[in-house]
Amino acid sequence: MFFNNFSKEHLLAAHRGFRALYPENTLLSIKKSINKSDFIEFDIQFTKDSIPILFHDDTLKRTTNASSLKNFQKPYNVWDYTYDELKQLDISSWFYKEDPFYQKERLKKVKKIERIQTLENVLEVVKKKNLFINIEIKYNQLHILNKKHFQSVVDLISKYNLEKNVLISSFEHSYVLLFKKLNPKLSTAALAHEKYPKDLISYLKELRVDAYHINQKLATKKLVKELIENGFIVNVYTINDKQKQKKLFSYGVKAIFTDFL
């Protein structure tokens, strides 16, 4: 259902929002990617009080100022803190200081501090602007999620009547199967990085996914063709080079995740 929203042959997905120019997984980054991408991808972690928030890493070290605050302690695991505690963190200054995408000239001006957002905060914007989003559910073996966590996401999507606007993905494939069972209307995608099962087609059918998201190293012309012939949509991450994007689209890839829009 998600991909039926698009009449275009090829799609660009904003990876963690427009993260080449704005801090990743922030409301700012998402808003700046509107009208520059076909859909927007962001990551979800869960707080100590089980609230889904936009955040990529397992720990707060890379993208927040947690290490400078007394009430945050090593190893700075996201799930060790409530949302009330996490929302006080600065999640943008690191970006403007480090300039990870070498955009110094564009980042000269001092920027407003961004805060961690709940999934609900973002879904309100998605509903208002009629956006299309890919929610990646992060996996960490030290913080095992349960049905309650997934149900909270499903309930929020239903609350805002956004089933057709949302694609759920994860590297932990049991997650996407559970989402499909909780709400069969939701579109889902399995993520793969370095390898995939030998009997891939049967495996994906068992997962009941609509799409397969793969690293560019896995995206051979042969594999893409086989997946498409068996009814799966193929999307590739994270490609910033325009020529590589063009080549992958020629294989039949539907969407490219990119940091530059």
C-alpha atoms as a PDB file:
ATOM      1  CA  MET A   1       0.000   0.000   0.000  1.00  0.00           C
ATOM      2  CA  PHE A   2       2.846   2.410   0.808  1.00  0.00           C
ATOM      3  CA  PHE A   3       4.380   2.316  -2.672  1.00  0.00           C
ATOM      4  CA  ASN A   4       1.004   2.784  -4.339  1.00  0.00           C
ATOM      5  CA  ASN A   5       1.225   6.405  -3.221  1.00  0.00           C
ATOM      6  CA  PHE A   6       3.806   7.132  -5.897  1.00  0.00           C
ATOM      7  CA  SER A   7       3.282   7.394  -9.631  1.00  0.00           C
ATOM      8  CA  LYS A   8       6.993   8.079 -10.238  1.00  0.00           C
ATOM      9  CA  GLU A   9       9.196   5.255 -11.466  1.00  0.00           C
ATOM     10  CA  HIS A  10      12.146   6.220  -9.267  1.00  0.00           C
ATOM     11  CA  LEU A  11      12.061   7.582  -5.732  1.00  0.00           C
ATOM     12  CA  LEU A  12      14.504   9.397  -3.445  1.00  0.00           C
ATOM     13  CA  ALA A  13      14.288   8.795   0.287  1.00  0.00           C
ATOM     14  CA  ALA A  14      15.741  11.275   2.758  1.00  0.00           C
ATOM     15  CA  HIS A  15      18.099   9.282   4.994  1.00  0.00           C
ATOM     16  CA  ARG A  16      17.497  10.330   8.633  1.00  0.00           C
ATOM     17  CA  GLY A  17      15.983  13.455   7.137  1.00  0.00           C
ATOM     18  CA  PHE A  18      18.160  15.863   5.171  1.00  0.00           C
ATOM     19  CA  ARG A  19      21.176  14.904   7.263  1.00  0.00           C
ATOM     20  CA  ALA A  20      23.881  16.284   5.008  1.00  0.00           C
ATOM     21  CA  LEU A  21      22.836  19.812   5.952  1.00  0.00           C
ATOM     22  CA  TYR A  22      20.837  19.350   9.169  1.00  0.00           C
ATOM     23  CA  PRO A  23      21.260  17.224  12.315  1.00  0.00           C
ATOM     24  CA  GLU A  24      19.990  13.691  11.736  1.00  0.00           C
ATOM     25  CA  ASN A  25      16.656  12.468  13.084  1.00  0.00           C
ATOM     26  CA  THR A  26      15.566  15.929  14.154  1.00  0.00           C
ATOM     27  CA  LEU A  27      12.310  17.642  13.345  1.00  0.00           C
ATOM     28  CA  LEU A  28      14.359  20.282  11.525  1.00  0.00           C
ATOM     29  CA  SER A  29      16.012  17.675   9.318  1.00  0.00           C
ATOM     30  CA  ILE A  30      12.644  16.144   8.490  1.00  0.00           C
ATOM     31  CA  LYS A  31      11.008  19.478   7.666  1.00  0.00           C
ATOM     32  CA  LYS A  32      13.943  20.501   5.461  1.00  0.00           C
ATOM     33  CA  SER A  33      13.555  17.332   3.381  1.00  0.00           C
ATOM     34  CA  ILE A  34       9.915  18.091   2.532  1.00  0.00           C
ATOM     35  CA  ASN A  35       9.474  18.749  -1.210  1.00  0.00           C
ATOM     36  CA  LYS A  36      13.056  17.592  -1.779  1.00  0.00           C
ATOM     37  CA  SER A  37      12.403  13.862  -1.337  1.00  0.00           C
ATOM     38  CA  ASP A  38       9.598  11.409  -2.054  1.00  0.00           C
ATOM     39  CA  PHE A  39       9.620   9.939   1.424  1.00  0.00           C
ATOM     40  CA  ILE A  40      11.583  10.426   4.627  1.00  0.00           C
ATOM     41  CA  GLU A  41      13.410   7.752   6.609  1.00  0.00           C
ATOM     42  CA  PHE A  42      14.160   8.025  10.318  1.00  0.00           C
ATOM     43  CA  ASP A  43      15.088   5.738  13.202  1.00  0.00           C
ATOM     44  CA  ILE A  44      13.186   4.772  16.327  1.00  0.00           C
ATOM     45  CA  GLN A  45      14.541   3.797  19.730  1.00  0.00           C
ATOM     46  CA  PHE A  46      12.528   3.354  22.941  1.00  0.00           C
ATOM     47  CA  THR A  47      13.018   5.189  26.216  1.00  0.00           C
ATOM     48  CA  LYS A  48      13.050   3.726  29.724  1.00  0.00           C
ATOM     49  CA  ASP A  49       9.338   4.542  29.952  1.00  0.00           C
ATOM     50  CA  SER A  50       8.729   2.829  26.558  1.00  0.00           C
ATOM     51  CA  ILE A  51       8.126   5.959  24.517  1.00  0.00           C
ATOM     52  CA  PRO A  52       9.224   5.695  20.864  1.00  0.00           C
ATOM     53  CA  ILE A  53      11.656   8.496  20.011  1.00  0.00           C
ATOM     54  CA  LEU A  54      13.666   9.512  16.963  1.00  0.00           C
ATOM     55  CA  PHE A  55      17.219   8.369  17.555  1.00  0.00           C
ATOM     56  CA  HIS A  56      19.721   6.231  15.673  1.00  0.00           C
ATOM     57  CA  ASP A  57      22.481   5.083  18.028  1.00  0.00           C
ATOM     58  CA  ASP A  58      22.194   2.771  21.028  1.00  0.00           C
ATOM     59  CA  THR A  59      23.995   5.332  23.157  1.00  0.00           C
ATOM     60  CA  LEU A  60      23.810   9.094  23.548  1.00  0.00           C
ATOM     61  CA  LYS A  61      27.548   9.696  23.090  1.00  0.00           C
ATOM     62  CA  ARG A  62      27.869  10.601  19.407  1.00  0.00           C
ATOM     63  CA  THR A  63      24.991  13.007  18.849  1.00  0.00           C
ATOM     64  CA  THR A  64      24.160  14.567  22.238  1.00  0.00           C
ATOM     65  CA  ASN A  65      25.772  16.507  25.078  1.00  0.00           C
ATOM     66  CA  ALA A  66      24.934  13.798  27.640  1.00  0.00           C
ATOM     67  CA  SER A  67      28.567  13.357  28.710  1.00  0.00           C
ATOM     68  CA  SER A  68      28.654  16.980  29.911  1.00  0.00           C
ATOM     69  CA  LEU A  69      25.590  16.644  32.146  1.00  0.00           C
ATOM     70  CA  LYS A  70      25.767  15.268  35.701  1.00  0.00           C
ATOM     71  CA  ASN A  71      22.506  13.309  35.564  1.00  0.00           C
ATOM     72  CA  PHE A  72      23.715  11.185  32.638  1.00  0.00           C
ATOM     73  CA  GLN A  73      26.190   8.377  33.280  1.00  0.00           C
ATOM     74  CA  LYS A  74      28.276   5.971  31.205  1.00  0.00           C
ATOM     75  CA  PRO A  75      27.579   4.019  29.050  1.00  0.00           C
ATOM     76  CA  TYR A  76      24.814   6.536  28.174  1.00  0.00           C
ATOM     77  CA  ASN A  77      22.366   3.932  26.894  1.00  0.00           C
ATOM     78  CA  VAL A  78      19.237   5.494  25.411  1.00  0.00           C
ATOM     79  CA  TRP A  79      16.922   3.048  27.179  1.00  0.00           C
ATOM     80  CA  ASP A  80      18.286   3.902  30.634  1.00  0.00           C
ATOM     81  CA  TYR A  81      16.509   7.275  30.601  1.00  0.00           C
ATOM     82  CA  THR A  82      12.923   8.480  30.472  1.00  0.00           C
ATOM     83  CA  TYR A  83      11.745  10.826  27.787  1.00  0.00           C
ATOM     84  CA  ASP A  84      11.508  13.655  30.309  1.00  0.00           C
ATOM     85  CA  GLU A  85      15.216  13.185  30.961  1.00  0.00           C
ATOM     86  CA  LEU A  86      16.176  12.787  27.303  1.00  0.00           C
ATOM     87  CA  LYS A  87      14.303  15.789  25.990  1.00  0.00           C
ATOM     88  CA  GLN A  88      16.662  18.162  27.813  1.00  0.00           C
ATOM     89  CA  LEU A  89      19.585  17.027  25.637  1.00  0.00           C
ATOM     90  CA  ASP A  90      21.108  19.078  22.846  1.00  0.00           C
ATOM     91  CA  ILE A  91      21.145  16.860  19.734  1.00  0.00           C
ATOM     92  CA  SER A  92      22.299  19.405  17.158  1.00  0.00           C
ATOM     93  CA  SER A  93      25.416  21.278  18.334  1.00  0.00           C
ATOM     94  CA  TRP A  94      27.660  18.264  17.657  1.00  0.00           C
ATOM     95  CA  PHE A  95      26.629  18.393  13.995  1.00  0.00           C
ATOM     96  CA  TYR A  96      27.479  22.038  13.436  1.00  0.00           C
ATOM     97  CA  LYS A  97      30.780  21.585  15.260  1.00  0.00           C
ATOM     98  CA  GLU A  98      31.920  18.418  13.493  1.00  0.00           C
ATOM     99  CA  ASP A  99      30.457  19.132  10.036  1.00  0.00           C
ATOM    100  CA  PRO A 100      30.373  15.399   9.108  1.00  0.00           C
ATOM    101  CA  PHE A 101      29.461  16.058   5.470  1.00  0.00           C
ATOM    102  CA  TYR A 102      31.959  18.864   4.850  1.00  0.00           C
ATOM    103  CA  GLN A 103      29.383  21.558   4.274  1.00  0.00           C
ATOM    104  CA  LYS A 104      31.198  24.232   6.273  1.00  0.00           C
ATOM    105  CA  GLU A 105      30.169  27.186   4.134  1.00  0.00           C
ATOM    106  CA  ARG A 106      26.506  26.304   4.605  1.00  0.00           C
ATOM    107  CA  LEU A 107      26.849  25.752   8.340  1.00  0.00           C
ATOM    108  CA  LYS A 108      28.517  29.029   9.335  1.00  0.00           C
ATOM    109  CA  LYS A 109      25.471  30.558  10.989  1.00  0.00           C
ATOM    110  CA  VAL A 110      24.814  29.579  14.618  1.00  0.00           C
ATOM    111  CA  LYS A 111      21.799  27.315  14.687  1.00  0.00           C
ATOM    112  CA  LYS A 112      18.965  26.792  17.132  1.00  0.00           C
ATOM    113  CA  ILE A 113      19.403  23.817  19.478  1.00  0.00           C
ATOM    114  CA  GLU A 114      17.314  20.787  18.499  1.00  0.00           C
ATOM    115  CA  ARG A 115      15.787  18.340  20.984  1.00  0.00           C
ATOM    116  CA  ILE A 116      14.867  14.657  20.801  1.00  0.00           C
ATOM    117  CA  GLN A 117      11.383  14.183  19.375  1.00  0.00           C
ATOM    118  CA  THR A 118       8.808  11.534  20.131  1.00  0.00           C
ATOM    119  CA  LEU A 119       7.347   9.553  17.269  1.00  0.00           C
ATOM    120  CA  GLU A 120       3.987  11.141  18.028  1.00  0.00           C
ATOM    121  CA  ASN A 121       5.441  14.638  17.622  1.00  0.00           C
ATOM    122  CA  VAL A 122       6.605  13.693  14.156  1.00  0.00           C
ATOM    123  CA  LEU A 123       3.415  11.894  13.163  1.00  0.00           C
ATOM    124  CA  GLU A 124       1.506  15.103  13.869  1.00  0.00           C
ATOM    125  CA  VAL A 125       3.650  16.815  11.225  1.00  0.00           C
ATOM    126  CA  VAL A 126       3.310  13.844   8.869  1.00  0.00           C
ATOM    127  CA  LYS A 127      -0.464  14.036   9.139  1.00  0.00           C
ATOM    128  CA  LYS A 128      -0.601  17.800   8.694  1.00  0.00           C
ATOM    129  CA  LYS A 129       1.721  17.814   5.675  1.00  0.00           C
ATOM    130  CA  ASN A 130       0.571  14.450   4.245  1.00  0.00           C
ATOM    131  CA  LEU A 131       4.132  13.135   4.208  1.00  0.00           C
ATOM    132  CA  PHE A 132       5.316   9.603   3.488  1.00  0.00           C
ATOM    133  CA  ILE A 133       7.757   8.073   5.940  1.00  0.00           C
ATOM    134  CA  ASN A 134       9.917   5.013   6.509  1.00  0.00           C
ATOM    135  CA  ILE A 135      10.237   4.191  10.204  1.00  0.00           C
ATOM    136  CA  GLU A 136      13.256   2.005  10.934  1.00  0.00           C
ATOM    137  CA  ILE A 137      12.981   0.158  14.242  1.00  0.00           C
ATOM    138  CA  LYS A 138      16.466  -0.172  15.710  1.00  0.00           C
ATOM    139  CA  TYR A 139      17.661  -3.415  17.248  1.00  0.00           C
ATOM    140  CA  ASN A 140      20.038  -3.905  20.143  1.00  0.00           C
ATOM    141  CA  GLN A 141      20.681  -7.236  21.840  1.00  0.00           C
ATOM    142  CA  LEU A 142      21.135  -5.468  25.192  1.00  0.00           C
ATOM    143  CA  HIS A 143      17.675  -3.967  25.042  1.00  0.00           C
ATOM    144  CA  ILE A 144      15.194  -6.551  23.838  1.00  0.00           C
ATOM    145  CA  LEU A 145      11.895  -5.097  22.718  1.00  0.00           C
ATOM    146  CA  ASN A 146       8.565  -6.766  23.347  1.00  0.00           C
ATOM    147  CA  LYS A 147       5.075  -6.682  21.856  1.00  0.00           C
ATOM    148  CA  LYS A 148       4.176  -3.671  24.008  1.00  0.00           C
ATOM    149  CA  HIS A 149       6.772  -1.532  22.241  1.00  0.00           C
ATOM    150  CA  PHE A 150       5.526  -2.473  18.786  1.00  0.00           C
ATOM    151  CA  GLN A 151       1.891  -2.072  19.733  1.00  0.00           C
ATOM    152  CA  SER A 152       2.570   1.487  20.860  1.00  0.00           C
ATOM    153  CA  VAL A 153       3.908   2.339  17.388  1.00  0.00           C
ATOM    154  CA  VAL A 154       0.984   0.621  15.650  1.00  0.00           C
ATOM    155  CA  ASP A 155      -1.480   2.472  17.885  1.00  0.00           C
ATOM    156  CA  LEU A 156       0.097   5.833  17.096  1.00  0.00           C
ATOM    157  CA  ILE A 157      -0.017   5.173  13.360  1.00  0.00           C
ATOM    158  CA  SER A 158      -3.688   4.188  13.663  1.00  0.00           C
ATOM    159  CA  LYS A 159      -4.463   7.194  15.865  1.00  0.00           C
ATOM    160  CA  TYR A 160      -3.423   9.511  13.050  1.00  0.00           C
ATOM    161  CA  ASN A 161      -4.858   7.254  10.328  1.00  0.00           C
ATOM    162  CA  LEU A 162      -1.475   7.014   8.611  1.00  0.00           C
ATOM    163  CA  GLU A 163      -1.284   3.350   7.615  1.00  0.00           C
ATOM    164  CA  LYS A 164      -0.934   4.210   3.924  1.00  0.00           C
ATOM    165  CA  ASN A 165       1.764   6.816   4.663  1.00  0.00           C
ATOM    166  CA  VAL A 166       4.083   4.537   6.635  1.00  0.00           C
ATOM    167  CA  LEU A 167       6.656   1.896   5.752  1.00  0.00           C
ATOM    168  CA  ILE A 168       8.117  -0.068   8.687  1.00  0.00           C
ATOM    169  CA  SER A 169      11.615  -1.536   8.347  1.00  0.00           C
ATOM    170  CA  SER A 170      14.251  -3.193  10.518  1.00  0.00           C
ATOM    171  CA  PHE A 171      17.445  -5.229  10.415  1.00  0.00           C
ATOM    172  CA  GLU A 172      15.786  -7.452  13.030  1.00  0.00           C
ATOM    173  CA  HIS A 173      13.394  -9.315  10.772  1.00  0.00           C
ATOM    174  CA  SER A 174      11.242 -10.732  13.546  1.00  0.00           C
ATOM    175  CA  TYR A 175      10.189  -7.135  14.193  1.00  0.00           C
ATOM    176  CA  VAL A 176       8.753  -6.550  10.729  1.00  0.00           C
ATOM    177  CA  LEU A 177       6.834  -9.828  10.844  1.00  0.00           C
ATOM    178  CA  LEU A 178       5.315  -8.856  14.181  1.00  0.00           C
ATOM    179  CA  PHE A 179       4.262  -5.472  12.813  1.00  0.00           C
ATOM    180  CA  LYS A 180       2.536  -7.196   9.891  1.00  0.00           C
ATOM    181  CA  LYS A 181       0.705  -9.466  12.314  1.00  0.00           C
ATOM    182  CA  LEU A 182      -0.340  -6.543  14.524  1.00  0.00           C
ATOM    183  CA  ASN A 183      -1.654  -4.590  11.546  1.00  0.00           C
ATOM    184  CA  PRO A 184      -1.719  -6.301   8.127  1.00  0.00           C
ATOM    185  CA  LYS A 185      -2.426  -2.924   6.501  1.00  0.00           C
ATOM    186  CA  LEU A 186       1.098  -1.742   7.271  1.00  0.00           C
ATOM    187  CA  SER A 187       3.752  -2.032   4.582  1.00  0.00           C
ATOM    188  CA  THR A 188       7.024  -3.556   5.788  1.00  0.00           C
ATOM    189  CA  ALA A 189      10.590  -4.000   4.597  1.00  0.00           C
ATOM    190  CA  ALA A 190      13.483  -6.203   5.696  1.00  0.00           C
ATOM    191  CA  LEU A 191      16.923  -4.593   5.844  1.00  0.00           C
ATOM    192  CA  ALA A 192      20.129  -6.400   4.839  1.00  0.00           C
ATOM    193  CA  HIS A 193      23.729  -5.262   5.122  1.00  0.00           C
ATOM    194  CA  GLU A 194      26.439  -7.793   4.236  1.00  0.00           C
ATOM    195  CA  LYS A 195      24.617 -11.008   3.367  1.00  0.00           C
ATOM    196  CA  TYR A 196      21.225 -12.595   2.848  1.00  0.00           C
ATOM    197  CA  PRO A 197      19.757 -16.122   3.156  1.00  0.00           C
ATOM    198  CA  LYS A 198      20.393 -18.621   0.371  1.00  0.00           C
ATOM    199  CA  ASP A 199      16.683 -19.225  -0.126  1.00  0.00           C
ATOM    200  CA  LEU A 200      15.965 -15.502  -0.080  1.00  0.00           C
ATOM    201  CA  ILE A 201      12.632 -15.444  -1.891  1.00  0.00           C
ATOM    202  CA  SER A 202      11.036 -18.052   0.391  1.00  0.00           C
ATOM    203  CA  TYR A 203      12.493 -16.273   3.392  1.00  0.00           C
ATOM    204  CA  LEU A 204      10.995 -12.915   2.409  1.00  0.00           C
ATOM    205  CA  LYS A 205       7.633 -14.514   1.692  1.00  0.00           C
ATOM    206  CA  GLU A 206       7.620 -16.002   5.178  1.00  0.00           C
ATOM    207  CA  LEU A 207       8.315 -12.528   6.577  1.00  0.00           C
ATOM    208  CA  ARG A 208       5.399 -11.157   4.521  1.00  0.00           C
ATOM    209  CA  VAL A 209       7.416  -8.064   3.622  1.00  0.00           C
ATOM    210  CA  ASP A 210       6.633  -5.757   0.734  1.00  0.00           C
ATOM    211  CA  ALA A 211      10.180  -4.571   0.132  1.00  0.00           C
ATOM    212  CA  TYR A 212      13.814  -5.482   0.624  1.00  0.00           C
ATOM    213  CA  HIS A 213      16.274  -2.737   1.592  1.00  0.00           C
ATOM    214  CA  ILE A 214      19.858  -3.612   0.784  1.00  0.00           C
ATOM    215  CA  ASN A 215      23.354  -2.177   0.938  1.00  0.00           C
ATOM    216  CA  GLN A 216      24.744  -1.146  -2.450  1.00  0.00           C
ATOM    217  CA  LYS A 217      27.276  -4.007  -2.228  1.00  0.00           C
ATOM    218  CA  LEU A 218      24.413  -6.504  -2.376  1.00  0.00           C
ATOM    219  CA  ALA A 219      22.549  -4.690  -5.149  1.00  0.00           C
ATOM    220  CA  THR A 220      23.594  -6.694  -8.181  1.00  0.00           C
ATOM    221  CA  LYS A 221      21.544  -6.550 -11.353  1.00  0.00           C
ATOM    222  CA  LYS A 222      20.800 -10.258 -11.030  1.00  0.00           C
ATOM    223  CA  LEU A 223      19.533 -10.051  -7.458  1.00  0.00           C
ATOM    224  CA  VAL A 224      17.375  -6.991  -8.121  1.00  0.00           C
ATOM    225  CA  LYS A 225      15.819  -8.709 -11.155  1.00  0.00           C
ATOM    226  CA  GLU A 226      15.047 -11.859  -9.167  1.00  0.00           C
ATOM    227  CA  LEU A 227      13.422  -9.907  -6.343  1.00  0.00           C
ATOM    228  CA  ILE A 228      11.276  -7.852  -8.703  1.00  0.00           C
ATOM    229  CA  GLU A 229      10.166 -10.936 -10.601  1.00  0.00           C
ATOM    230  CA  ASN A 230       8.948 -12.388  -7.318  1.00  0.00           C
ATOM    231  CA  GLY A 231       6.935  -9.310  -6.408  1.00  0.00           C
ATOM    232  CA  PHE A 232       9.285  -7.504  -4.026  1.00  0.00           C
ATOM    233  CA  ILE A 233      10.187  -3.839  -4.249  1.00  0.00           C
ATOM    234  CA  VAL A 234      13.941  -3.206  -3.982  1.00  0.00           C
ATOM    235  CA  ASN A 235      15.391  -0.118  -2.318  1.00  0.00           C
ATOM    236  CA  VAL A 236      19.097   0.611  -1.781  1.00  0.00           C
ATOM    237  CA  TYR A 237      20.929   2.587   0.903  1.00  0.00           C
ATOM    238  CA  THR A 238      22.835   4.940   1.310  1.00  0.00           C
ATOM    239  CA  ILE A 239      23.878   6.348  -2.078  1.00  0.00           C
ATOM    240  CA  ASN A 240      25.028   9.958  -2.375  1.00  0.00           C
ATOM    241  CA  ASP A 241      26.659   9.678  -5.777  1.00  0.00           C
ATOM    242  CA  LYS A 242      24.275  10.612  -8.617  1.00  0.00           C
ATOM    243  CA  GLN A 243      25.888   8.276 -11.150  1.00  0.00           C
ATOM    244  CA  LYS A 244      25.583   5.305  -8.802  1.00  0.00           C
ATOM    245  CA  GLN A 245      21.963   6.214  -8.190  1.00  0.00           C
ATOM    246  CA  LYS A 246      21.321   6.274 -11.934  1.00  0.00           C
ATOM    247  CA  LYS A 247      22.959   2.874 -12.389  1.00  0.00           C
ATOM    248  CA  LEU A 248      20.890   1.287  -9.618  1.00  0.00           C
ATOM    249  CA  PHE A 249      17.692   2.753 -11.011  1.00  0.00           C
ATOM    250  CA  SER A 250      18.560   1.135 -14.351  1.00  0.00           C
ATOM    251  CA  TYR A 251      18.600  -2.230 -12.555  1.00  0.00           C
ATOM    252  CA  GLY A 252      14.994  -1.711 -11.501  1.00  0.00           C
ATOM    253  CA  VAL A 253      15.584  -0.368  -7.997  1.00  0.00           C
ATOM    254  CA  LYS A 254      12.557   1.613  -6.849  1.00  0.00           C
ATOM    255  CA  ALA A 255      14.019   3.944  -4.191  1.00  0.00           C
ATOM    256  CA  ILE A 256      17.442   5.212  -3.204  1.00  0.00           C
ATOM    257  CA  PHE A 257      18.187   6.411   0.324  1.00  0.00           C
ATOM    258  CA  THR A 258      20.471   9.427   0.280  1.00  0.00           C
ATOM    259  CA  ASP A 259      21.915  12.078   2.604  1.00  0.00           C
ATOM    260  CA  PHE A 260      21.977  14.764  -0.098  1.00  0.00           C
ATOM    261  CA  LEU A 261      18.724  15.984  -1.645  1.00  0.00           C
END
